Amino acid sequence: MSPSAPSVAILDYDAGNVRSAKRGFEVAGARAEIVREPEPARRADALVVPGVGHFGSCLTQLRRSGLEGVVREAIATEQPVFGICVGMQLLYGHSEEGDEPGLGLLPGHVERFPAGAVVPHMGWDVVHAAAGAEGDPLLAGVAGDRLYFVHSYYAVPSDSVHVVARTTYGGVDFPCLVREGSVVGTQFHPEKSGAVGARLLSNWIASLG
């Protein structure tokens, strides 16, 4: 790994598969470190917020760990942040899955797939560029390919300007890649999506300069 590669702090707050995330970002070209304390996270070039499980539980764990403040500081100072799965959902104001308020960076909320859909949505699905985002550098070599999903809830934006890509499942066309300023979120798991996922992470790492 090149010493000039960007450093990425994988936040370990007992609510995500941090080892898988670390491997994924290393394969994509970053110097990744799993961190549980605020100070090493602040020293990194970028933060990764994984998230697996219940929205409310993830928020409780993030707050209990002392790392929520670090994420909020990063957002305020435009330090790059990458949220994965529930880590992306936390960027919205609230979810039907629990009463804890989210980070509130993105306009909208999170709700469960409708009753007719089999949940969780698990497996590989095609990611399409959102209208107007067809040339987005994050999607280079990614749009039109399949990435790996596992989730029962999805984001419902009240303003779609931050939506970069979408996927359709259970009759719902939902955001699967979002960006607001220096913050990026994916509903799919790029670290579990083979070469296509690594390509997306490489595109993001290249954007860190």
C-alpha atoms as a PDB file:
ATOM      1  CA  MET A   1       0.000   0.000   0.000  1.00  0.00           C
ATOM      2  CA  SER A   2       1.431   3.373  -0.996  1.00  0.00           C
ATOM      3  CA  PRO A   3       2.175   5.683   1.970  1.00  0.00           C
ATOM      4  CA  SER A   4       0.564   8.462  -0.084  1.00  0.00           C
ATOM      5  CA  ALA A   5      -2.750   6.590  -0.301  1.00  0.00           C
ATOM      6  CA  PRO A   6      -5.604   8.306   1.554  1.00  0.00           C
ATOM      7  CA  SER A   7      -6.159   7.143   5.128  1.00  0.00           C
ATOM      8  CA  VAL A   8      -9.652   5.889   5.923  1.00  0.00           C
ATOM      9  CA  ALA A   9     -11.001   5.323   9.443  1.00  0.00           C
ATOM     10  CA  ILE A  10     -13.545   2.497   9.617  1.00  0.00           C
ATOM     11  CA  LEU A  11     -15.691   3.415  12.623  1.00  0.00           C
ATOM     12  CA  ASP A  12     -16.215   0.439  14.920  1.00  0.00           C
ATOM     13  CA  TYR A  13     -19.235   1.138  17.112  1.00  0.00           C
ATOM     14  CA  ASP A  14     -20.408  -2.476  17.383  1.00  0.00           C
ATOM     15  CA  ALA A  15     -22.948  -2.104  14.578  1.00  0.00           C
ATOM     16  CA  GLY A  16     -21.200  -3.143  11.389  1.00  0.00           C
ATOM     17  CA  ASN A  17     -18.945  -5.644   9.686  1.00  0.00           C
ATOM     18  CA  VAL A  18     -15.809  -3.569  10.068  1.00  0.00           C
ATOM     19  CA  ARG A  19     -13.328  -6.219   8.948  1.00  0.00           C
ATOM     20  CA  SER A  20     -15.112  -6.722   5.645  1.00  0.00           C
ATOM     21  CA  ALA A  21     -15.229  -2.952   5.156  1.00  0.00           C
ATOM     22  CA  LYS A  22     -11.518  -2.628   5.944  1.00  0.00           C
ATOM     23  CA  ARG A  23     -10.607  -5.264   3.360  1.00  0.00           C
ATOM     24  CA  GLY A  24     -12.855  -3.659   0.760  1.00  0.00           C
ATOM     25  CA  PHE A  25     -11.313  -0.218   1.127  1.00  0.00           C
ATOM     26  CA  GLU A  26      -7.793  -1.643   1.143  1.00  0.00           C
ATOM     27  CA  VAL A  27      -8.464  -3.542  -2.091  1.00  0.00           C
ATOM     28  CA  ALA A  28      -9.709  -0.274  -3.567  1.00  0.00           C
ATOM     29  CA  GLY A  29      -6.457   1.502  -2.696  1.00  0.00           C
ATOM     30  CA  ALA A  30      -6.914   3.186   0.690  1.00  0.00           C
ATOM     31  CA  ARG A  31      -4.941   2.818   3.917  1.00  0.00           C
ATOM     32  CA  ALA A  32      -7.784   1.593   6.109  1.00  0.00           C
ATOM     33  CA  GLU A  33      -7.769   1.335   9.897  1.00  0.00           C
ATOM     34  CA  ILE A  34     -10.514   0.148  12.251  1.00  0.00           C
ATOM     35  CA  VAL A  35     -10.973   2.750  14.994  1.00  0.00           C
ATOM     36  CA  ARG A  36     -13.066   2.878  18.156  1.00  0.00           C
ATOM     37  CA  GLU A  37     -11.890   6.225  19.553  1.00  0.00           C
ATOM     38  CA  PRO A  38     -12.551   9.783  18.345  1.00  0.00           C
ATOM     39  CA  GLU A  39      -8.953  11.012  18.024  1.00  0.00           C
ATOM     40  CA  PRO A  40      -7.633   8.491  15.466  1.00  0.00           C
ATOM     41  CA  ALA A  41     -10.838   9.008  13.502  1.00  0.00           C
ATOM     42  CA  ARG A  42     -10.217  12.758  13.404  1.00  0.00           C
ATOM     43  CA  ARG A  43      -6.681  12.204  12.090  1.00  0.00           C
ATOM     44  CA  ALA A  44      -7.869  10.170   9.078  1.00  0.00           C
ATOM     45  CA  ASP A  45      -8.462  11.677   5.650  1.00  0.00           C
ATOM     46  CA  ALA A  46     -11.959  10.163   5.539  1.00  0.00           C
ATOM     47  CA  LEU A  47     -14.461   8.282   7.689  1.00  0.00           C
ATOM     48  CA  VAL A  48     -16.435   5.145   6.871  1.00  0.00           C
ATOM     49  CA  VAL A  49     -19.676   4.534   8.786  1.00  0.00           C
ATOM     50  CA  PRO A  50     -20.756   0.898   8.304  1.00  0.00           C
ATOM     51  CA  GLY A  51     -24.120  -0.195   9.632  1.00  0.00           C
ATOM     52  CA  VAL A  52     -25.849  -3.571   9.917  1.00  0.00           C
ATOM     53  CA  GLY A  53     -29.115  -4.285  11.688  1.00  0.00           C
ATOM     54  CA  HIS A  54     -31.697  -2.027  13.313  1.00  0.00           C
ATOM     55  CA  PHE A  55     -31.656   1.746  12.582  1.00  0.00           C
ATOM     56  CA  GLY A  56     -32.422   2.723  16.179  1.00  0.00           C
ATOM     57  CA  SER A  57     -29.893   0.303  17.631  1.00  0.00           C
ATOM     58  CA  CYS A  58     -27.177   1.560  15.281  1.00  0.00           C
ATOM     59  CA  LEU A  59     -27.838   5.156  16.338  1.00  0.00           C
ATOM     60  CA  THR A  60     -27.808   4.218  20.018  1.00  0.00           C
ATOM     61  CA  GLN A  61     -24.490   2.419  19.566  1.00  0.00           C
ATOM     62  CA  LEU A  62     -23.005   5.297  17.557  1.00  0.00           C
ATOM     63  CA  ARG A  63     -23.944   7.780  20.293  1.00  0.00           C
ATOM     64  CA  ARG A  64     -22.790   5.498  23.086  1.00  0.00           C
ATOM     65  CA  SER A  65     -19.409   5.030  21.397  1.00  0.00           C
ATOM     66  CA  GLY A  66     -18.681   8.761  21.348  1.00  0.00           C
ATOM     67  CA  LEU A  67     -18.233   8.641  17.565  1.00  0.00           C
ATOM     68  CA  GLU A  68     -21.463  10.424  16.617  1.00  0.00           C
ATOM     69  CA  GLY A  69     -19.809  13.753  17.436  1.00  0.00           C
ATOM     70  CA  VAL A  70     -16.869  12.851  15.193  1.00  0.00           C
ATOM     71  CA  VAL A  71     -19.225  12.126  12.295  1.00  0.00           C
ATOM     72  CA  ARG A  72     -21.063  15.407  12.847  1.00  0.00           C
ATOM     73  CA  GLU A  73     -17.746  17.300  13.008  1.00  0.00           C
ATOM     74  CA  ALA A  74     -16.638  15.652   9.763  1.00  0.00           C
ATOM     75  CA  ILE A  75     -19.855  16.675   8.026  1.00  0.00           C
ATOM     76  CA  ALA A  76     -19.549  20.245   9.313  1.00  0.00           C
ATOM     77  CA  THR A  77     -15.895  20.575   8.226  1.00  0.00           C
ATOM     78  CA  GLU A  78     -16.389  18.758   4.888  1.00  0.00           C
ATOM     79  CA  GLN A  79     -14.167  15.839   5.821  1.00  0.00           C
ATOM     80  CA  PRO A  80     -15.208  12.993   3.475  1.00  0.00           C
ATOM     81  CA  VAL A  81     -17.621  10.478   4.985  1.00  0.00           C
ATOM     82  CA  PHE A  82     -18.833   7.212   3.414  1.00  0.00           C
ATOM     83  CA  GLY A  83     -21.925   5.523   4.901  1.00  0.00           C
ATOM     84  CA  ILE A  84     -22.790   1.903   4.048  1.00  0.00           C
ATOM     85  CA  CYS A  85     -26.270   0.302   4.290  1.00  0.00           C
ATOM     86  CA  VAL A  86     -27.758   1.462   7.613  1.00  0.00           C
ATOM     87  CA  GLY A  87     -24.798   3.856   7.703  1.00  0.00           C
ATOM     88  CA  MET A  88     -26.405   5.556   4.696  1.00  0.00           C
ATOM     89  CA  GLN A  89     -29.871   5.513   6.259  1.00  0.00           C
ATOM     90  CA  LEU A  90     -28.518   7.299   9.340  1.00  0.00           C
ATOM     91  CA  LEU A  91     -27.960  10.364   7.132  1.00  0.00           C
ATOM     92  CA  TYR A  92     -31.729  10.956   7.033  1.00  0.00           C
ATOM     93  CA  GLY A  93     -33.820  12.521   9.771  1.00  0.00           C
ATOM     94  CA  HIS A  94     -35.744   9.483  10.930  1.00  0.00           C
ATOM     95  CA  SER A  95     -36.792   5.921  10.144  1.00  0.00           C
ATOM     96  CA  GLU A  96     -39.870   3.778  10.701  1.00  0.00           C
ATOM     97  CA  GLU A  97     -37.399   1.344  12.261  1.00  0.00           C
ATOM     98  CA  GLY A  98     -37.090   2.936  15.695  1.00  0.00           C
ATOM     99  CA  ASP A  99     -37.673   6.266  17.407  1.00  0.00           C
ATOM    100  CA  GLU A 100     -34.107   7.582  17.465  1.00  0.00           C
ATOM    101  CA  PRO A 101     -33.617  10.701  15.285  1.00  0.00           C
ATOM    102  CA  GLY A 102     -31.048  10.318  12.526  1.00  0.00           C
ATOM    103  CA  LEU A 103     -28.239  12.698  11.594  1.00  0.00           C
ATOM    104  CA  GLY A 104     -30.591  14.794   9.483  1.00  0.00           C
ATOM    105  CA  LEU A 105     -28.095  15.626   6.734  1.00  0.00           C
ATOM    106  CA  LEU A 106     -30.382  14.502   3.898  1.00  0.00           C
ATOM    107  CA  PRO A 107     -34.008  15.553   3.358  1.00  0.00           C
ATOM    108  CA  GLY A 108     -36.419  12.660   3.717  1.00  0.00           C
ATOM    109  CA  HIS A 109     -36.940   9.581   5.853  1.00  0.00           C
ATOM    110  CA  VAL A 110     -36.557   5.792   5.821  1.00  0.00           C
ATOM    111  CA  GLU A 111     -39.420   3.318   5.595  1.00  0.00           C
ATOM    112  CA  ARG A 112     -40.021  -0.417   5.249  1.00  0.00           C
ATOM    113  CA  PHE A 113     -40.655  -2.106   1.912  1.00  0.00           C
ATOM    114  CA  PRO A 114     -44.396  -2.576   1.277  1.00  0.00           C
ATOM    115  CA  ALA A 115     -46.197  -5.651   2.558  1.00  0.00           C
ATOM    116  CA  GLY A 116     -46.062  -7.470  -0.800  1.00  0.00           C
ATOM    117  CA  ALA A 117     -42.252  -7.369  -1.006  1.00  0.00           C
ATOM    118  CA  VAL A 118     -40.150 -10.231   0.329  1.00  0.00           C
ATOM    119  CA  VAL A 119     -37.778  -8.851   2.950  1.00  0.00           C
ATOM    120  CA  PRO A 120     -34.985  -8.553   3.423  1.00  0.00           C
ATOM    121  CA  HIS A 121     -34.097  -7.544  -0.102  1.00  0.00           C
ATOM    122  CA  MET A 122     -31.054  -9.783  -0.364  1.00  0.00           C
ATOM    123  CA  GLY A 123     -28.809 -10.419  -3.334  1.00  0.00           C
ATOM    124  CA  TRP A 124     -27.502  -8.741  -6.453  1.00  0.00           C
ATOM    125  CA  ASP A 125     -29.449  -5.998  -8.215  1.00  0.00           C
ATOM    126  CA  VAL A 126     -28.779  -3.529 -11.014  1.00  0.00           C
ATOM    127  CA  VAL A 127     -27.791   0.017 -10.090  1.00  0.00           C
ATOM    128  CA  HIS A 128     -28.974   2.743 -12.489  1.00  0.00           C
ATOM    129  CA  ALA A 129     -27.813   6.347 -12.665  1.00  0.00           C
ATOM    130  CA  ALA A 130     -30.433   8.787 -11.427  1.00  0.00           C
ATOM    131  CA  ALA A 131     -31.736  11.374 -13.879  1.00  0.00           C
ATOM    132  CA  GLY A 132     -29.047  13.981 -14.396  1.00  0.00           C
ATOM    133  CA  ALA A 133     -26.308  11.896 -12.747  1.00  0.00           C
ATOM    134  CA  GLU A 134     -25.375   9.760 -15.745  1.00  0.00           C
ATOM    135  CA  GLY A 135     -21.876  11.258 -15.951  1.00  0.00           C
ATOM    136  CA  ASP A 136     -21.134  11.182 -12.237  1.00  0.00           C
ATOM    137  CA  PRO A 137     -17.527   9.991 -11.654  1.00  0.00           C
ATOM    138  CA  LEU A 138     -18.656   7.698  -8.839  1.00  0.00           C
ATOM    139  CA  LEU A 139     -20.619   5.649 -11.369  1.00  0.00           C
ATOM    140  CA  ALA A 140     -17.796   5.179 -13.884  1.00  0.00           C
ATOM    141  CA  GLY A 141     -17.707   1.462 -14.687  1.00  0.00           C
ATOM    142  CA  VAL A 142     -20.509   0.843 -12.179  1.00  0.00           C
ATOM    143  CA  ALA A 143     -23.856   2.061 -13.575  1.00  0.00           C
ATOM    144  CA  GLY A 144     -25.811  -0.781 -15.177  1.00  0.00           C
ATOM    145  CA  ASP A 145     -23.984  -3.443 -13.160  1.00  0.00           C
ATOM    146  CA  ARG A 146     -25.181  -5.479 -10.197  1.00  0.00           C
ATOM    147  CA  LEU A 147     -24.158  -4.841  -6.609  1.00  0.00           C
ATOM    148  CA  TYR A 148     -24.984  -6.682  -3.400  1.00  0.00           C
ATOM    149  CA  PHE A 149     -27.913  -5.633  -1.179  1.00  0.00           C
ATOM    150  CA  VAL A 150     -29.319  -6.844   2.115  1.00  0.00           C
ATOM    151  CA  HIS A 151     -31.935  -4.578   3.735  1.00  0.00           C
ATOM    152  CA  SER A 152     -35.626  -4.303   4.629  1.00  0.00           C
ATOM    153  CA  TYR A 153     -35.864  -0.497   4.715  1.00  0.00           C
ATOM    154  CA  TYR A 154     -35.113   2.136   2.089  1.00  0.00           C
ATOM    155  CA  ALA A 155     -34.727   5.907   1.859  1.00  0.00           C
ATOM    156  CA  VAL A 156     -37.627   8.098   0.743  1.00  0.00           C
ATOM    157  CA  PRO A 157     -36.126  11.500  -0.120  1.00  0.00           C
ATOM    158  CA  SER A 158     -38.246  14.638   0.021  1.00  0.00           C
ATOM    159  CA  ASP A 159     -35.801  16.239  -2.422  1.00  0.00           C
ATOM    160  CA  SER A 160     -33.951  14.008  -4.884  1.00  0.00           C
ATOM    161  CA  VAL A 161     -31.140  16.399  -5.804  1.00  0.00           C
ATOM    162  CA  HIS A 162     -28.734  14.334  -3.653  1.00  0.00           C
ATOM    163  CA  VAL A 163     -29.619  10.997  -5.328  1.00  0.00           C
ATOM    164  CA  VAL A 164     -26.880   9.657  -7.626  1.00  0.00           C
ATOM    165  CA  ALA A 165     -28.231   6.160  -8.387  1.00  0.00           C
ATOM    166  CA  ARG A 166     -31.354   4.057  -7.886  1.00  0.00           C
ATOM    167  CA  THR A 167     -32.432   0.420  -7.771  1.00  0.00           C
ATOM    168  CA  THR A 168     -35.902  -1.111  -8.094  1.00  0.00           C
ATOM    169  CA  TYR A 169     -37.180  -3.850  -5.800  1.00  0.00           C
ATOM    170  CA  GLY A 170     -40.621  -4.830  -4.545  1.00  0.00           C
ATOM    171  CA  GLY A 171     -42.246  -2.278  -6.823  1.00  0.00           C
ATOM    172  CA  VAL A 172     -40.204   0.542  -5.252  1.00  0.00           C
ATOM    173  CA  ASP A 173     -37.637   2.682  -7.099  1.00  0.00           C
ATOM    174  CA  PHE A 174     -35.352   3.730  -4.247  1.00  0.00           C
ATOM    175  CA  PRO A 175     -32.047   5.606  -3.847  1.00  0.00           C
ATOM    176  CA  CYS A 176     -29.058   3.303  -3.533  1.00  0.00           C
ATOM    177  CA  LEU A 177     -26.249   5.876  -3.894  1.00  0.00           C
ATOM    178  CA  VAL A 178     -26.506   9.380  -2.474  1.00  0.00           C
ATOM    179  CA  ARG A 179     -24.187  12.332  -2.069  1.00  0.00           C
ATOM    180  CA  GLU A 180     -24.401  15.653  -0.268  1.00  0.00           C
ATOM    181  CA  GLY A 181     -21.244  17.728  -0.253  1.00  0.00           C
ATOM    182  CA  SER A 182     -18.395  15.554   1.011  1.00  0.00           C
ATOM    183  CA  VAL A 183     -20.722  12.810   2.267  1.00  0.00           C
ATOM    184  CA  VAL A 184     -21.519   9.687   0.217  1.00  0.00           C
ATOM    185  CA  GLY A 185     -23.835   6.827   1.148  1.00  0.00           C
ATOM    186  CA  THR A 186     -24.651   3.476  -0.442  1.00  0.00           C
ATOM    187  CA  GLN A 187     -27.607   1.229   0.366  1.00  0.00           C
ATOM    188  CA  PHE A 188     -25.724  -1.685  -1.206  1.00  0.00           C
ATOM    189  CA  HIS A 189     -22.528  -3.164   0.241  1.00  0.00           C
ATOM    190  CA  PRO A 190     -19.645  -2.203  -2.080  1.00  0.00           C
ATOM    191  CA  GLU A 191     -17.213  -4.177   0.076  1.00  0.00           C
ATOM    192  CA  LYS A 192     -19.224  -7.345  -0.696  1.00  0.00           C
ATOM    193  CA  SER A 193     -19.838  -6.576  -4.376  1.00  0.00           C
ATOM    194  CA  GLY A 194     -16.683  -7.975  -5.959  1.00  0.00           C
ATOM    195  CA  ALA A 195     -14.927  -6.105  -8.754  1.00  0.00           C
ATOM    196  CA  VAL A 196     -17.817  -3.694  -9.361  1.00  0.00           C
ATOM    197  CA  GLY A 197     -17.933  -2.684  -5.698  1.00  0.00           C
ATOM    198  CA  ALA A 198     -14.149  -2.232  -5.658  1.00  0.00           C
ATOM    199  CA  ARG A 199     -14.459  -0.014  -8.735  1.00  0.00           C
ATOM    200  CA  LEU A 200     -16.962   2.232  -6.997  1.00  0.00           C
ATOM    201  CA  LEU A 201     -14.765   2.487  -3.902  1.00  0.00           C
ATOM    202  CA  SER A 202     -11.754   3.247  -6.123  1.00  0.00           C
ATOM    203  CA  ASN A 203     -13.758   6.009  -7.812  1.00  0.00           C
ATOM    204  CA  TRP A 204     -14.532   7.494  -4.388  1.00  0.00           C
ATOM    205  CA  ILE A 205     -10.941   7.163  -3.143  1.00  0.00           C
ATOM    206  CA  ALA A 206      -9.710   8.901  -6.322  1.00  0.00           C
ATOM    207  CA  SER A 207     -12.018  11.815  -5.509  1.00  0.00           C
ATOM    208  CA  LEU A 208     -10.252  12.335  -2.165  1.00  0.00           C
ATOM    209  CA  GLY A 209      -7.274  13.778  -4.007  1.00  0.00           C
END
